[in-house]
Amino acid sequence: MINVLNSSSESLQVAVNSWGASDNSYVSLAINKSTSFDRTDKRGFVLAVKRQDGEQNFYVLFDSDINVRDNGVVTDHGIPIRPASNRYPHSAAAEKA
């Protein structure tokens, strides 16, 4: 089960993909409200978060406990996670490789 809590100061829309035939529709999530997605596959999923300023996608697991906060901060079990488009930290070592 993937749980998503909206701790931000704006309403959101969230969706989680699924493997096979299932509903991948966006769900509206009001401020301080939560929703759950019944997902059990251990390969992981994509969580899409739509805010007023755009959309971000995150890789999440079947047992993720997501908290969407202000300023683009998203945590899983209290640990900040990066959007899929920026999942690796920028480092000088990576540039030299």
PDB file of N, CA and C in Angstrom:
ATOM      1  N   MET A   1       0.850  -1.178   0.000  1.00  0.00           N
ATOM      2  CA  MET A   1       0.000   0.000   0.000  1.00  0.00           C
ATOM      3  C   MET A   1       0.895   1.240   0.000  1.00  0.00           C
ATOM      4  N   ILE A   2       0.645   2.141  -0.919  1.00  0.00           N
ATOM      5  CA  ILE A   2       1.368   3.408  -0.988  1.00  0.00           C
ATOM      6  C   ILE A   2       0.471   4.481  -0.389  1.00  0.00           C
ATOM      7  N   ASN A   3       0.947   5.132   0.657  1.00  0.00           N
ATOM      8  CA  ASN A   3       0.201   6.200   1.319  1.00  0.00           C
ATOM      9  C   ASN A   3       0.790   7.544   0.924  1.00  0.00           C
ATOM     10  N   VAL A   4      -0.082   8.521   0.650  1.00  0.00           N
ATOM     11  CA  VAL A   4       0.355   9.865   0.271  1.00  0.00           C
ATOM     12  C   VAL A   4      -0.398  10.879   1.129  1.00  0.00           C
ATOM     13  N   LEU A   5       0.359  11.729   1.837  1.00  0.00           N
ATOM     14  CA  LEU A   5      -0.197  12.794   2.669  1.00  0.00           C
ATOM     15  C   LEU A   5       0.173  14.136   2.065  1.00  0.00           C
ATOM     16  N   ASN A   6      -0.782  15.037   1.961  1.00  0.00           N
ATOM     17  CA  ASN A   6      -0.531  16.383   1.456  1.00  0.00           C
ATOM     18  C   ASN A   6      -0.332  17.323   2.642  1.00  0.00           C
ATOM     19  N   SER A   7       0.931  17.616   2.971  1.00  0.00           N
ATOM     20  CA  SER A   7       1.255  18.571   4.039  1.00  0.00           C
ATOM     21  C   SER A   7       1.586  19.943   3.487  1.00  0.00           C
ATOM     22  N   SER A   8       1.375  20.142   2.199  1.00  0.00           N
ATOM     23  CA  SER A   8       1.689  21.432   1.587  1.00  0.00           C
ATOM     24  C   SER A   8       0.554  22.418   1.841  1.00  0.00           C
ATOM     25  N   SER A   9       0.748  23.639   1.388  1.00  0.00           N
ATOM     26  CA  SER A   9      -0.254  24.691   1.597  1.00  0.00           C
ATOM     27  C   SER A   9      -1.172  24.870   0.385  1.00  0.00           C
ATOM     28  N   GLU A  10      -1.206  23.870  -0.510  1.00  0.00           N
ATOM     29  CA  GLU A  10      -2.088  23.928  -1.675  1.00  0.00           C
ATOM     30  C   GLU A  10      -2.651  22.540  -1.968  1.00  0.00           C
ATOM     31  N   SER A  11      -3.780  22.507  -2.632  1.00  0.00           N
ATOM     32  CA  SER A  11      -4.347  21.232  -3.068  1.00  0.00           C
ATOM     33  C   SER A  11      -3.482  20.657  -4.182  1.00  0.00           C
ATOM     34  N   LEU A  12      -3.431  19.334  -4.261  1.00  0.00           N
ATOM     35  CA  LEU A  12      -2.603  18.636  -5.239  1.00  0.00           C
ATOM     36  C   LEU A  12      -3.441  17.640  -6.014  1.00  0.00           C
ATOM     37  N   GLN A  13      -2.840  17.117  -7.073  1.00  0.00           N
ATOM     38  CA  GLN A  13      -3.356  15.936  -7.742  1.00  0.00           C
ATOM     39  C   GLN A  13      -2.224  14.925  -7.748  1.00  0.00           C
ATOM     40  N   VAL A  14      -2.529  13.676  -7.408  1.00  0.00           N
ATOM     41  CA  VAL A  14      -1.511  12.631  -7.369  1.00  0.00           C
ATOM     42  C   VAL A  14      -2.014  11.396  -8.107  1.00  0.00           C
ATOM     43  N   ALA A  15      -1.071  10.656  -8.671  1.00  0.00           N
ATOM     44  CA  ALA A  15      -1.387   9.398  -9.346  1.00  0.00           C
ATOM     45  C   ALA A  15      -0.204   8.459  -9.179  1.00  0.00           C
ATOM     46  N   VAL A  16      -0.488   7.165  -9.185  1.00  0.00           N
ATOM     47  CA  VAL A  16       0.557   6.145  -9.135  1.00  0.00           C
ATOM     48  C   VAL A  16       0.279   5.162 -10.263  1.00  0.00           C
ATOM     49  N   ASN A  17       1.306   4.885 -11.070  1.00  0.00           N
ATOM     50  CA  ASN A  17       1.117   3.931 -12.157  1.00  0.00           C
ATOM     51  C   ASN A  17       0.887   2.540 -11.580  1.00  0.00           C
ATOM     52  N   SER A  18       0.521   1.607 -12.440  1.00  0.00           N
ATOM     53  CA  SER A  18       0.357   0.223 -12.011  1.00  0.00           C
ATOM     54  C   SER A  18       0.871  -0.693 -13.109  1.00  0.00           C
ATOM     55  N   TRP A  19       1.198  -1.900 -12.724  1.00  0.00           N
ATOM     56  CA  TRP A  19       1.627  -2.915 -13.676  1.00  0.00           C
ATOM     57  C   TRP A  19       0.381  -3.679 -14.104  1.00  0.00           C
ATOM     58  N   GLY A  20       0.071  -3.652 -15.394  1.00  0.00           N
ATOM     59  CA  GLY A  20      -1.125  -4.322 -15.870  1.00  0.00           C
ATOM     60  C   GLY A  20      -2.306  -3.371 -15.901  1.00  0.00           C
ATOM     61  N   ALA A  21      -3.485  -3.927 -16.026  1.00  0.00           N
ATOM     62  CA  ALA A  21      -4.707  -3.126 -16.141  1.00  0.00           C
ATOM     63  C   ALA A  21      -5.167  -2.657 -14.767  1.00  0.00           C
ATOM     64  N   SER A  22      -5.191  -1.363 -14.589  1.00  0.00           N
ATOM     65  CA  SER A  22      -5.664  -0.769 -13.340  1.00  0.00           C
ATOM     66  C   SER A  22      -5.907   0.709 -13.583  1.00  0.00           C
ATOM     67  N   ASP A  23      -6.483   1.366 -12.601  1.00  0.00           N
ATOM     68  CA  ASP A  23      -6.780   2.789 -12.710  1.00  0.00           C
ATOM     69  C   ASP A  23      -5.547   3.606 -12.350  1.00  0.00           C
ATOM     70  N   ASN A  24      -5.056   4.388 -13.298  1.00  0.00           N
ATOM     71  CA  ASN A  24      -3.898   5.254 -13.079  1.00  0.00           C
ATOM     72  C   ASN A  24      -4.308   6.721 -13.020  1.00  0.00           C
ATOM     73  N   SER A  25      -5.563   6.990 -12.783  1.00  0.00           N
ATOM     74  CA  SER A  25      -6.092   8.354 -12.810  1.00  0.00           C
ATOM     75  C   SER A  25      -5.545   9.198 -11.669  1.00  0.00           C
ATOM     76  N   TYR A  26      -5.531  10.515 -11.915  1.00  0.00           N
ATOM     77  CA  TYR A  26      -5.152  11.450 -10.855  1.00  0.00           C
ATOM     78  C   TYR A  26      -6.262  11.520  -9.814  1.00  0.00           C
ATOM     79  N   VAL A  27      -5.846  11.700  -8.565  1.00  0.00           N
ATOM     80  CA  VAL A  27      -6.759  11.861  -7.439  1.00  0.00           C
ATOM     81  C   VAL A  27      -6.491  13.237  -6.844  1.00  0.00           C
ATOM     82  N   SER A  28      -7.542  14.015  -6.612  1.00  0.00           N
ATOM     83  CA  SER A  28      -7.374  15.314  -5.952  1.00  0.00           C
ATOM     84  C   SER A  28      -7.094  15.082  -4.475  1.00  0.00           C
ATOM     85  N   LEU A  29      -6.145  15.845  -3.947  1.00  0.00           N
ATOM     86  CA  LEU A  29      -5.744  15.684  -2.552  1.00  0.00           C
ATOM     87  C   LEU A  29      -5.721  17.055  -1.892  1.00  0.00           C
ATOM     88  N   ALA A  30      -6.689  17.304  -1.022  1.00  0.00           N
ATOM     89  CA  ALA A  30      -6.802  18.587  -0.328  1.00  0.00           C
ATOM     90  C   ALA A  30      -5.695  18.734   0.718  1.00  0.00           C
ATOM     91  N   ILE A  31      -5.510  19.939   1.198  1.00  0.00           N
ATOM     92  CA  ILE A  31      -4.504  20.233   2.221  1.00  0.00           C
ATOM     93  C   ILE A  31      -4.790  19.395   3.467  1.00  0.00           C
ATOM     94  N   ASN A  32      -3.723  18.795   4.014  1.00  0.00           N
ATOM     95  CA  ASN A  32      -3.775  17.955   5.219  1.00  0.00           C
ATOM     96  C   ASN A  32      -4.637  16.707   5.070  1.00  0.00           C
ATOM     97  N   LYS A  33      -4.843  16.256   3.847  1.00  0.00           N
ATOM     98  CA  LYS A  33      -5.581  15.015   3.597  1.00  0.00           C
ATOM     99  C   LYS A  33      -4.627  13.973   3.025  1.00  0.00           C
ATOM    100  N   SER A  34      -5.038  12.714   3.100  1.00  0.00           N
ATOM    101  CA  SER A  34      -4.205  11.635   2.579  1.00  0.00           C
ATOM    102  C   SER A  34      -5.047  10.695   1.730  1.00  0.00           C
ATOM    103  N   THR A  35      -4.349   9.895   0.945  1.00  0.00           N
ATOM    104  CA  THR A  35      -4.982   8.868   0.135  1.00  0.00           C
ATOM    105  C   THR A  35      -4.035   7.686   0.059  1.00  0.00           C
ATOM    106  N   SER A  36      -4.551   6.544  -0.358  1.00  0.00           N
ATOM    107  CA  SER A  36      -3.739   5.334  -0.487  1.00  0.00           C
ATOM    108  C   SER A  36      -3.955   4.718  -1.859  1.00  0.00           C
ATOM    109  N   PHE A  37      -2.916   4.066  -2.344  1.00  0.00           N
ATOM    110  CA  PHE A  37      -2.967   3.351  -3.610  1.00  0.00           C
ATOM    111  C   PHE A  37      -2.607   1.898  -3.328  1.00  0.00           C
ATOM    112  N   ASP A  38      -3.452   0.978  -3.752  1.00  0.00           N
ATOM    113  CA  ASP A  38      -3.238  -0.446  -3.510  1.00  0.00           C
ATOM    114  C   ASP A  38      -2.279  -0.999  -4.562  1.00  0.00           C
ATOM    115  N   ARG A  39      -1.018  -0.985  -4.228  1.00  0.00           N
ATOM    116  CA  ARG A  39       0.022  -1.494  -5.115  1.00  0.00           C
ATOM    117  C   ARG A  39       0.885  -2.478  -4.325  1.00  0.00           C
ATOM    118  N   THR A  40       1.221  -3.629  -4.929  1.00  0.00           N
ATOM    119  CA  THR A  40       1.968  -4.659  -4.204  1.00  0.00           C
ATOM    120  C   THR A  40       3.201  -5.158  -4.945  1.00  0.00           C
ATOM    121  N   ASP A  41       3.382  -4.777  -6.190  1.00  0.00           N
ATOM    122  CA  ASP A  41       4.516  -5.266  -6.972  1.00  0.00           C
ATOM    123  C   ASP A  41       5.823  -4.709  -6.431  1.00  0.00           C
ATOM    124  N   LYS A  42       6.816  -5.549  -6.253  1.00  0.00           N
ATOM    125  CA  LYS A  42       8.088  -5.124  -5.659  1.00  0.00           C
ATOM    126  C   LYS A  42       9.018  -4.416  -6.645  1.00  0.00           C
ATOM    127  N   ARG A  43       8.604  -4.271  -7.921  1.00  0.00           N
ATOM    128  CA  ARG A  43       9.439  -3.568  -8.899  1.00  0.00           C
ATOM    129  C   ARG A  43       9.399  -2.061  -8.720  1.00  0.00           C
ATOM    130  N   GLY A  44       8.404  -1.545  -8.028  1.00  0.00           N
ATOM    131  CA  GLY A  44       8.299  -0.106  -7.811  1.00  0.00           C
ATOM    132  C   GLY A  44       7.338   0.556  -8.777  1.00  0.00           C
ATOM    133  N   PHE A  45       7.105   1.846  -8.530  1.00  0.00           N
ATOM    134  CA  PHE A  45       6.081   2.589  -9.251  1.00  0.00           C
ATOM    135  C   PHE A  45       6.514   4.036  -9.449  1.00  0.00           C
ATOM    136  N   VAL A  46       5.793   4.741 -10.327  1.00  0.00           N
ATOM    137  CA  VAL A  46       6.007   6.169 -10.522  1.00  0.00           C
ATOM    138  C   VAL A  46       4.849   6.913  -9.868  1.00  0.00           C
ATOM    139  N   LEU A  47       5.192   7.807  -8.941  1.00  0.00           N
ATOM    140  CA  LEU A  47       4.224   8.700  -8.306  1.00  0.00           C
ATOM    141  C   LEU A  47       4.298  10.036  -9.031  1.00  0.00           C
ATOM    142  N   ALA A  48       3.178  10.490  -9.575  1.00  0.00           N
ATOM    143  CA  ALA A  48       3.102  11.797 -10.226  1.00  0.00           C
ATOM    144  C   ALA A  48       2.403  12.763  -9.283  1.00  0.00           C
ATOM    145  N   VAL A  49       3.026  13.929  -9.072  1.00  0.00           N
ATOM    146  CA  VAL A  49       2.464  14.964  -8.203  1.00  0.00           C
ATOM    147  C   VAL A  49       2.278  16.222  -9.039  1.00  0.00           C
ATOM    148  N   LYS A  50       1.021  16.659  -9.203  1.00  0.00           N
ATOM    149  CA  LYS A  50       0.719  17.898  -9.927  1.00  0.00           C
ATOM    150  C   LYS A  50       0.445  18.994  -8.914  1.00  0.00           C
ATOM    151  N   ARG A  51       1.225  20.080  -9.040  1.00  0.00           N
ATOM    152  CA  ARG A  51       1.018  21.280  -8.232  1.00  0.00           C
ATOM    153  C   ARG A  51       0.636  22.412  -9.179  1.00  0.00           C
ATOM    154  N   GLN A  52       0.344  23.575  -8.619  1.00  0.00           N
ATOM    155  CA  GLN A  52       0.007  24.723  -9.459  1.00  0.00           C
ATOM    156  C   GLN A  52       1.155  25.094 -10.387  1.00  0.00           C
ATOM    157  N   ASP A  53       2.398  24.871  -9.949  1.00  0.00           N
ATOM    158  CA  ASP A  53       3.556  25.277 -10.745  1.00  0.00           C
ATOM    159  C   ASP A  53       4.121  24.167 -11.627  1.00  0.00           C
ATOM    160  N   GLY A  54       3.453  23.022 -11.702  1.00  0.00           N
ATOM    161  CA  GLY A  54       3.926  21.967 -12.582  1.00  0.00           C
ATOM    162  C   GLY A  54       3.802  20.584 -11.975  1.00  0.00           C
ATOM    163  N   GLU A  55       4.395  19.624 -12.675  1.00  0.00           N
ATOM    164  CA  GLU A  55       4.307  18.220 -12.269  1.00  0.00           C
ATOM    165  C   GLU A  55       5.699  17.658 -12.018  1.00  0.00           C
ATOM    166  N   GLN A  56       5.804  16.799 -11.009  1.00  0.00           N
ATOM    167  CA  GLN A  56       7.039  16.074 -10.728  1.00  0.00           C
ATOM    168  C   GLN A  56       6.704  14.597 -10.602  1.00  0.00           C
ATOM    169  N   ASN A  57       7.648  13.749 -11.008  1.00  0.00           N
ATOM    170  CA  ASN A  57       7.484  12.304 -10.910  1.00  0.00           C
ATOM    171  C   ASN A  57       8.556  11.735  -9.996  1.00  0.00           C
ATOM    172  N   PHE A  58       8.178  10.745  -9.194  1.00  0.00           N
ATOM    173  CA  PHE A  58       9.077  10.135  -8.218  1.00  0.00           C
ATOM    174  C   PHE A  58       8.977   8.621  -8.313  1.00  0.00           C
ATOM    175  N   TYR A  59      10.110   7.940  -8.108  1.00  0.00           N
ATOM    176  CA  TYR A  59      10.116   6.485  -8.012  1.00  0.00           C
ATOM    177  C   TYR A  59       9.772   6.122  -6.574  1.00  0.00           C
ATOM    178  N   VAL A  60       8.746   5.293  -6.379  1.00  0.00           N
ATOM    179  CA  VAL A  60       8.323   4.884  -5.041  1.00  0.00           C
ATOM    180  C   VAL A  60       8.142   3.369  -5.011  1.00  0.00           C
ATOM    181  N   LEU A  61       8.135   2.816  -3.811  1.00  0.00           N
ATOM    182  CA  LEU A  61       7.963   1.381  -3.624  1.00  0.00           C
ATOM    183  C   LEU A  61       6.565   1.059  -3.113  1.00  0.00           C
ATOM    184  N   PHE A  62       6.216  -0.220  -3.141  1.00  0.00           N
ATOM    185  CA  PHE A  62       4.867  -0.652  -2.759  1.00  0.00           C
ATOM    186  C   PHE A  62       4.506  -0.317  -1.317  1.00  0.00           C
ATOM    187  N   ASP A  63       5.505  -0.087  -0.468  1.00  0.00           N
ATOM    188  CA  ASP A  63       5.240   0.227   0.940  1.00  0.00           C
ATOM    189  C   ASP A  63       5.632   1.664   1.297  1.00  0.00           C
ATOM    190  N   SER A  64       5.705   2.534   0.306  1.00  0.00           N
ATOM    191  CA  SER A  64       6.112   3.925   0.544  1.00  0.00           C
ATOM    192  C   SER A  64       5.082   4.672   1.383  1.00  0.00           C
ATOM    193  N   ASP A  65       5.593   5.566   2.219  1.00  0.00           N
ATOM    194  CA  ASP A  65       4.768   6.460   3.038  1.00  0.00           C
ATOM    195  C   ASP A  65       5.198   7.876   2.666  1.00  0.00           C
ATOM    196  N   ILE A  66       4.489   8.465   1.718  1.00  0.00           N
ATOM    197  CA  ILE A  66       4.888   9.721   1.090  1.00  0.00           C
ATOM    198  C   ILE A  66       4.247  10.909   1.795  1.00  0.00           C
ATOM    199  N   ASN A  67       5.054  11.953   1.983  1.00  0.00           N
ATOM    200  CA  ASN A  67       4.568  13.214   2.535  1.00  0.00           C
ATOM    201  C   ASN A  67       4.989  14.313   1.567  1.00  0.00           C
ATOM    202  N   VAL A  68       4.011  14.993   0.964  1.00  0.00           N
ATOM    203  CA  VAL A  68       4.281  16.080   0.023  1.00  0.00           C
ATOM    204  C   VAL A  68       4.201  17.385   0.801  1.00  0.00           C
ATOM    205  N   ARG A  69       5.304  18.131   0.806  1.00  0.00           N
ATOM    206  CA  ARG A  69       5.397  19.379   1.563  1.00  0.00           C
ATOM    207  C   ARG A  69       5.553  20.555   0.603  1.00  0.00           C
ATOM    208  N   ASP A  70       5.669  21.749   1.155  1.00  0.00           N
ATOM    209  CA  ASP A  70       5.901  22.941   0.339  1.00  0.00           C
ATOM    210  C   ASP A  70       7.319  22.954  -0.222  1.00  0.00           C
ATOM    211  N   ASN A  71       7.555  23.846  -1.177  1.00  0.00           N
ATOM    212  CA  ASN A  71       8.871  24.064  -1.791  1.00  0.00           C
ATOM    213  C   ASN A  71       9.412  22.831  -2.495  1.00  0.00           C
ATOM    214  N   GLY A  72       8.541  21.975  -3.011  1.00  0.00           N
ATOM    215  CA  GLY A  72       8.979  20.813  -3.771  1.00  0.00           C
ATOM    216  C   GLY A  72       9.541  19.682  -2.947  1.00  0.00           C
ATOM    217  N   VAL A  73       9.421  19.751  -1.622  1.00  0.00           N
ATOM    218  CA  VAL A  73       9.968  18.709  -0.756  1.00  0.00           C
ATOM    219  C   VAL A  73       8.985  17.546  -0.666  1.00  0.00           C
ATOM    220  N   VAL A  74       9.486  16.349  -0.962  1.00  0.00           N
ATOM    221  CA  VAL A  74       8.703  15.122  -0.849  1.00  0.00           C
ATOM    222  C   VAL A  74       9.539  14.130  -0.062  1.00  0.00           C
ATOM    223  N   THR A  75       8.928  13.495   0.940  1.00  0.00           N
ATOM    224  CA  THR A  75       9.655  12.515   1.744  1.00  0.00           C
ATOM    225  C   THR A  75       8.981  11.156   1.647  1.00  0.00           C
ATOM    226  N   ASP A  76       9.785  10.109   1.848  1.00  0.00           N
ATOM    227  CA  ASP A  76       9.293   8.735   1.938  1.00  0.00           C
ATOM    228  C   ASP A  76       9.786   8.183   3.263  1.00  0.00           C
ATOM    229  N   HIS A  77       8.888   7.868   4.156  1.00  0.00           N
ATOM    230  CA  HIS A  77       9.238   7.441   5.516  1.00  0.00           C
ATOM    231  C   HIS A  77      10.139   8.475   6.183  1.00  0.00           C
ATOM    232  N   GLY A  78       9.886   9.759   5.925  1.00  0.00           N
ATOM    233  CA  GLY A  78      10.630  10.851   6.546  1.00  0.00           C
ATOM    234  C   GLY A  78      11.939  11.212   5.873  1.00  0.00           C
ATOM    235  N   ILE A  79      12.342  10.482   4.845  1.00  0.00           N
ATOM    236  CA  ILE A  79      13.604  10.732   4.142  1.00  0.00           C
ATOM    237  C   ILE A  79      13.298  11.458   2.831  1.00  0.00           C
ATOM    238  N   PRO A  80      13.930  12.618   2.585  1.00  0.00           N
ATOM    239  CA  PRO A  80      13.677  13.343   1.331  1.00  0.00           C
ATOM    240  C   PRO A  80      14.020  12.488   0.108  1.00  0.00           C
ATOM    241  N   ILE A  81      13.148  12.530  -0.897  1.00  0.00           N
ATOM    242  CA  ILE A  81      13.416  11.845  -2.162  1.00  0.00           C
ATOM    243  C   ILE A  81      13.449  12.880  -3.275  1.00  0.00           C
ATOM    244  N   ARG A  82      14.186  12.558  -4.331  1.00  0.00           N
ATOM    245  CA  ARG A  82      14.348  13.474  -5.457  1.00  0.00           C
ATOM    246  C   ARG A  82      13.386  13.099  -6.582  1.00  0.00           C
ATOM    247  N   PRO A  83      12.985  14.094  -7.363  1.00  0.00           N
ATOM    248  CA  PRO A  83      12.179  13.787  -8.553  1.00  0.00           C
ATOM    249  C   PRO A  83      12.979  12.914  -9.517  1.00  0.00           C
ATOM    250  N   ALA A  84      12.290  12.143 -10.327  1.00  0.00           N
ATOM    251  CA  ALA A  84      12.957  11.259 -11.282  1.00  0.00           C
ATOM    252  C   ALA A  84      13.881  12.032 -12.216  1.00  0.00           C
ATOM    253  N   SER A  85      13.542  13.271 -12.539  1.00  0.00           N
ATOM    254  CA  SER A  85      14.367  14.081 -13.434  1.00  0.00           C
ATOM    255  C   SER A  85      15.633  14.592 -12.758  1.00  0.00           C
ATOM    256  N   ASN A  86      15.755  14.421 -11.447  1.00  0.00           N
ATOM    257  CA  ASN A  86      16.905  14.925 -10.690  1.00  0.00           C
ATOM    258  C   ASN A  86      17.253  13.951  -9.567  1.00  0.00           C
ATOM    259  N   ARG A  87      17.248  12.647  -9.871  1.00  0.00           N
ATOM    260  CA  ARG A  87      17.396  11.658  -8.809  1.00  0.00           C
ATOM    261  C   ARG A  87      18.817  11.456  -8.318  1.00  0.00           C
ATOM    262  N   TYR A  88      19.798  11.931  -9.066  1.00  0.00           N
ATOM    263  CA  TYR A  88      21.183  11.773  -8.640  1.00  0.00           C
ATOM    264  C   TYR A  88      21.747  13.120  -8.227  1.00  0.00           C
ATOM    265  N   PRO A  89      22.405  13.186  -7.069  1.00  0.00           N
ATOM    266  CA  PRO A  89      22.987  14.468  -6.640  1.00  0.00           C
ATOM    267  C   PRO A  89      24.074  14.918  -7.611  1.00  0.00           C
ATOM    268  N   HIS A  90      24.121  16.192  -7.842  1.00  0.00           N
ATOM    269  CA  HIS A  90      25.152  16.770  -8.698  1.00  0.00           C
ATOM    270  C   HIS A  90      26.480  16.745  -7.951  1.00  0.00           C
ATOM    271  N   SER A  91      27.524  16.302  -8.609  1.00  0.00           N
ATOM    272  CA  SER A  91      28.839  16.303  -7.965  1.00  0.00           C
ATOM    273  C   SER A  91      29.924  16.546  -9.001  1.00  0.00           C
ATOM    274  N   ALA A  92      31.013  17.124  -8.552  1.00  0.00           N
ATOM    275  CA  ALA A  92      32.156  17.374  -9.431  1.00  0.00           C
ATOM    276  C   ALA A  92      32.743  16.061  -9.919  1.00  0.00           C
ATOM    277  N   ALA A  93      32.712  15.029  -9.077  1.00  0.00           N
ATOM    278  CA  ALA A  93      33.252  13.725  -9.460  1.00  0.00           C
ATOM    279  C   ALA A  93      32.482  13.145 -10.642  1.00  0.00           C
ATOM    280  N   ALA A  94      31.182  13.336 -10.667  1.00  0.00           N
ATOM    281  CA  ALA A  94      30.370  12.817 -11.764  1.00  0.00           C
ATOM    282  C   ALA A  94      30.696  13.531 -13.068  1.00  0.00           C
ATOM    283  N   GLU A  95      31.026  14.824 -12.999  1.00  0.00           N
ATOM    284  CA  GLU A  95      31.362  15.578 -14.205  1.00  0.00           C
ATOM    285  C   GLU A  95      32.672  15.103 -14.817  1.00  0.00           C
ATOM    286  N   LYS A  96      33.617  14.656 -13.982  1.00  0.00           N
ATOM    287  CA  LYS A  96      34.921  14.211 -14.468  1.00  0.00           C
ATOM    288  C   LYS A  96      34.857  12.829 -15.098  1.00  0.00           C
ATOM    289  N   ALA A  97      33.833  12.057 -14.778  1.00  0.00           N
ATOM    290  CA  ALA A  97      33.742  10.673 -15.265  1.00  0.00           C
ATOM    291  C   ALA A  97      33.432  10.614 -16.737  1.00  0.00           C
TER     292      ALA A  97
END
